[in-house]
Amino acid sequence: MKFIRQVLLAISIGGIVATALRTRSKTTNAPSQGGWREVTPQR
């Protein structure tokens, strides 16, 4: 029973951390410099 409780606790903490990181990354603006570049085919 103790093992099951520890597993559930670890999963819930992981979910909380993932949610916090996801909401924090949404608030920051995307960098105006850099990012995706057009792929130039190599010859």
N, C-alpha and C. Protein backbone atom coordinates (compact mmCIF):
# COMPACT_ATOMS: atom_id res chain seq x y z
N MET A 1 0.82 -1.20 0.00
CA MET A 1 0.00 0.00 0.00
C MET A 1 0.87 1.26 0.00
N LYS A 2 1.96 1.22 0.74
CA LYS A 2 2.84 2.38 0.80
C LYS A 2 3.48 2.64 -0.56
N PHE A 3 3.82 1.56 -1.27
CA PHE A 3 4.44 1.70 -2.59
C PHE A 3 3.48 2.38 -3.57
N ILE A 4 2.21 1.96 -3.53
CA ILE A 4 1.22 2.55 -4.43
C ILE A 4 1.05 4.04 -4.14
N ARG A 5 1.06 4.40 -2.85
CA ARG A 5 0.91 5.80 -2.49
C ARG A 5 2.11 6.61 -2.98
N GLN A 6 3.31 6.06 -2.88
CA GLN A 6 4.50 6.77 -3.36
C GLN A 6 4.46 6.95 -4.87
N VAL A 7 4.00 5.93 -5.59
CA VAL A 7 3.90 6.04 -7.05
C VAL A 7 2.90 7.13 -7.44
N LEU A 8 1.74 7.14 -6.79
CA LEU A 8 0.75 8.17 -7.09
C LEU A 8 1.27 9.56 -6.76
N LEU A 9 2.01 9.68 -5.67
CA LEU A 9 2.57 10.97 -5.30
C LEU A 9 3.58 11.44 -6.35
N ALA A 10 4.44 10.52 -6.81
CA ALA A 10 5.44 10.89 -7.81
C ALA A 10 4.78 11.30 -9.12
N ILE A 11 3.73 10.59 -9.53
CA ILE A 11 3.04 10.93 -10.78
C ILE A 11 2.36 12.29 -10.66
N SER A 12 1.74 12.56 -9.52
CA SER A 12 1.06 13.84 -9.35
C SER A 12 2.05 14.99 -9.32
N ILE A 13 3.19 14.80 -8.67
CA ILE A 13 4.21 15.85 -8.65
C ILE A 13 4.74 16.10 -10.06
N GLY A 14 4.95 15.02 -10.81
CA GLY A 14 5.40 15.18 -12.20
C GLY A 14 4.39 15.95 -13.03
N GLY A 15 3.11 15.67 -12.83
CA GLY A 15 2.08 16.39 -13.56
C GLY A 15 2.04 17.86 -13.20
N ILE A 16 2.21 18.16 -11.93
CA ILE A 16 2.21 19.56 -11.48
C ILE A 16 3.39 20.31 -12.10
N VAL A 17 4.56 19.67 -12.09
CA VAL A 17 5.75 20.32 -12.66
C VAL A 17 5.56 20.53 -14.16
N ALA A 18 5.03 19.52 -14.86
CA ALA A 18 4.81 19.65 -16.31
C ALA A 18 3.82 20.77 -16.62
N THR A 19 2.77 20.87 -15.82
CA THR A 19 1.78 21.93 -16.03
C THR A 19 2.38 23.30 -15.78
N ALA A 20 3.19 23.41 -14.73
CA ALA A 20 3.82 24.70 -14.41
C ALA A 20 4.76 25.12 -15.53
N LEU A 21 5.55 24.18 -16.04
CA LEU A 21 6.48 24.52 -17.12
C LEU A 21 5.71 24.90 -18.38
N ARG A 22 4.62 24.20 -18.66
CA ARG A 22 3.86 24.49 -19.87
C ARG A 22 3.23 25.88 -19.80
N THR A 23 2.66 26.25 -18.66
CA THR A 23 2.02 27.56 -18.54
C THR A 23 3.07 28.66 -18.52
N ARG A 24 4.25 28.37 -17.96
CA ARG A 24 5.29 29.38 -17.91
C ARG A 24 5.87 29.63 -19.30
N SER A 25 6.00 28.59 -20.11
CA SER A 25 6.58 28.77 -21.44
C SER A 25 5.61 29.50 -22.36
N LYS A 26 4.30 29.43 -22.08
CA LYS A 26 3.33 30.12 -22.93
C LYS A 26 3.40 31.63 -22.73
N THR A 27 3.75 32.08 -21.52
CA THR A 27 3.74 33.51 -21.24
C THR A 27 4.93 34.21 -21.89
N THR A 28 6.03 33.50 -22.07
CA THR A 28 7.20 34.14 -22.66
C THR A 28 7.00 34.29 -24.16
N ASN A 29 7.43 35.42 -24.70
CA ASN A 29 7.28 35.66 -26.13
C ASN A 29 8.33 34.87 -26.90
N ALA A 30 7.96 34.49 -28.11
CA ALA A 30 8.91 33.77 -28.95
C ALA A 30 10.03 34.72 -29.35
N PRO A 31 11.25 34.24 -29.46
CA PRO A 31 12.36 35.12 -29.83
C PRO A 31 12.17 35.68 -31.24
N SER A 32 12.35 37.00 -31.37
CA SER A 32 12.19 37.61 -32.69
C SER A 32 13.40 37.31 -33.58
N GLN A 33 14.52 37.00 -32.95
CA GLN A 33 15.74 36.67 -33.69
C GLN A 33 15.92 35.16 -33.65
N GLY A 34 16.39 34.61 -34.76
CA GLY A 34 16.65 33.17 -34.77
C GLY A 34 15.39 32.38 -35.04
N GLY A 35 15.31 31.20 -34.48
CA GLY A 35 14.15 30.36 -34.71
C GLY A 35 14.34 29.49 -35.94
N TRP A 36 13.24 29.28 -36.66
CA TRP A 36 13.31 28.40 -37.83
C TRP A 36 13.98 29.12 -38.99
N ARG A 37 14.78 28.36 -39.73
CA ARG A 37 15.38 28.88 -40.96
C ARG A 37 14.88 28.05 -42.13
N GLU A 38 14.86 28.65 -43.31
CA GLU A 38 14.50 27.87 -44.48
C GLU A 38 15.63 26.90 -44.78
N VAL A 39 15.25 25.70 -45.14
CA VAL A 39 16.25 24.67 -45.41
C VAL A 39 16.72 24.83 -46.84
N THR A 40 18.03 25.05 -47.01
CA THR A 40 18.59 25.13 -48.35
C THR A 40 19.16 23.77 -48.71
N PRO A 41 18.74 23.19 -49.83
CA PRO A 41 19.24 21.86 -50.19
C PRO A 41 20.73 21.90 -50.47
N GLN A 42 21.44 20.94 -49.90
CA GLN A 42 22.89 20.87 -50.13
C GLN A 42 23.17 20.14 -51.43
N ARG A 43 24.19 20.61 -52.14
CA ARG A 43 24.53 19.98 -53.42
C ARG A 43 25.84 19.26 -53.33
